[in-house]
Protein backbone atom coordinates (compact mmCIF):
# COMPACT_ATOMS: atom_id res chain seq x y z
CA MET A 1 -295.78 22.25 -18.27
CA ARG A 2 -298.51 19.87 -17.12
CA HIS A 3 -299.53 21.44 -13.83
CA ASN A 4 -299.85 24.82 -12.18
CA TYR A 5 -296.73 26.11 -10.45
CA ILE A 6 -296.77 28.53 -7.51
CA GLY A 7 -293.32 29.91 -6.68
CA GLU A 8 -291.90 30.98 -3.35
CA ILE A 9 -292.67 34.46 -2.03
CA GLU A 10 -289.89 37.03 -2.29
CA ASN A 11 -290.24 40.03 -0.03
CA LYS A 12 -288.72 43.47 -0.33
CA ARG A 13 -289.00 46.42 2.00
CA GLU A 14 -290.51 49.59 0.57
CA GLU A 15 -290.76 52.91 2.36
CA SER A 16 -294.27 52.40 3.73
CA SER A 17 -294.93 48.67 3.40
CA GLU A 18 -293.65 45.24 2.58
CA LEU A 19 -293.74 44.23 -1.07
CA ALA A 20 -294.19 40.52 -1.63
CA ILE A 21 -293.59 39.14 -5.10
CA LEU A 22 -295.19 35.87 -6.14
CA SER A 23 -294.45 34.18 -9.46
CA CYS A 24 -296.85 31.62 -10.92
CA GLU A 25 -297.16 29.46 -14.03
CA MET A 26 -300.70 28.48 -15.05
CA ILE A 27 -301.74 25.86 -17.59
CA ASN A 28 -305.08 27.69 -18.07
CA ASP A 29 -306.67 30.97 -17.00
CA ALA A 30 -307.54 30.63 -13.33
CA ASP A 31 -308.87 32.44 -10.27
CA MET A 32 -306.56 32.58 -7.28
CA ALA A 33 -307.37 33.37 -3.64
CA PHE A 34 -304.45 34.67 -1.56
CA ILE A 35 -304.78 34.78 2.24
CA LEU A 36 -301.92 35.84 4.52
CA CYS A 37 -302.13 34.76 8.17
CA ASP A 38 -299.81 35.17 11.13
CA GLU A 39 -298.64 32.23 13.25
CA LEU A 40 -301.80 32.44 15.35
CA GLY A 41 -304.03 32.17 12.28
CA LYS A 42 -305.18 35.81 12.22
CA THR A 43 -305.76 37.05 8.66
CA HIS A 44 -303.73 40.16 7.75
CA TYR A 45 -304.30 40.29 3.98
CA GLU A 46 -306.79 38.72 1.62
CA LYS A 47 -307.22 39.24 -2.11
CA ASN A 48 -308.50 37.43 -5.19
CA PHE A 49 -306.68 37.50 -8.51
CA LYS A 50 -307.44 36.49 -12.09
CA LEU A 51 -304.42 34.72 -13.54
CA LYS A 52 -303.75 34.23 -17.22
CA ARG A 53 -302.41 31.11 -18.87
CA GLY A 54 -298.59 31.15 -18.73
CA SER A 55 -296.32 33.23 -16.49
CA ASN A 56 -297.79 35.62 -13.92
CA THR A 57 -295.99 37.87 -11.44
CA LEU A 58 -298.02 39.38 -8.62
CA ASP A 59 -296.85 42.39 -6.61
CA LEU A 60 -298.55 42.29 -3.22
CA HIS A 61 -298.30 45.47 -1.16
CA LEU A 62 -298.63 44.42 2.47
CA PRO A 63 -298.96 47.44 4.77
CA ASP A 64 -298.71 47.36 8.55
CA LEU A 65 -297.13 43.93 8.94
CA LYS A 66 -295.18 43.52 12.15
CA LYS A 67 -291.97 41.55 12.48
CA GLY A 68 -292.72 37.85 12.46
CA LYS A 69 -293.54 34.76 10.46
CA TYR A 70 -296.58 34.51 8.20
CA ASN A 71 -298.20 31.82 6.09
CA ALA A 72 -299.75 32.49 2.71
CA TRP A 73 -302.64 30.20 1.81
CA ILE A 74 -302.99 30.19 -1.96
CA GLN A 75 -305.95 28.46 -3.60
CA VAL A 76 -305.99 27.77 -7.35
CA GLN A 77 -308.37 25.43 -9.16
CA GLY A 78 -309.31 23.45 -6.06
CA LYS A 79 -305.74 23.02 -4.79
CA THR A 80 -304.22 24.81 -1.81
CA PHE A 81 -300.57 25.83 -1.69
CA LEU A 82 -298.81 27.06 1.46
CA ARG A 83 -295.93 29.53 1.25
CA LYS A 84 -293.99 31.13 4.09
CA LEU A 85 -293.12 34.80 4.49
CA ALA A 86 -290.85 36.29 7.17
CA ILE A 87 -290.88 39.98 8.04
CA GLU A 88 -287.50 40.89 9.50
CA LYS A 89 -288.00 44.44 10.74
CA GLU A 90 -290.83 46.79 11.49
CA SER A 91 -291.23 50.19 9.93
CA PRO A 92 -290.75 52.93 12.51
CA LYS A 93 -293.91 54.74 13.57
CA GLY A 94 -294.75 57.79 15.57
CA PHE A 95 -293.56 61.36 15.76
CA PHE A 96 -289.82 60.68 15.38
CA ALA A 97 -290.30 58.41 12.37
CA SER A 98 -292.37 61.11 10.63
CA TRP A 99 -289.80 63.78 11.52
CA ASN A 100 -286.91 61.61 10.27
CA LYS A 101 -288.72 60.99 6.97
CA LEU A 102 -289.33 64.71 6.56
CA ILE A 103 -285.66 65.51 7.17
CA LYS A 104 -284.49 62.87 4.66
CA ASN A 105 -286.66 64.48 1.98
CA TYR A 106 -284.90 67.83 2.42
CA VAL A 107 -281.31 66.59 2.66
């Protein structure tokens, strides 16, 4: 491997949030900045990571994301990578969602 590799984002739905999984291959230890923006450019998540040389898998817990399309801006060693993320469905909120969750725990 002669260059850093940033994979595509895989997303999975968890009970209370979206879980995005990002795989990376680094030629050296590196700092990474991860910024998730909606289509209008509003930032919804921002975090810095320390990556080790070799394979890295990052689990990104993304609470409160609404249905829609997002762009992840990923900066590593002076280069910027853009990855897309689509949220297909919203988590239910409010009284009935809480009640339904409570019932499921007792059934």
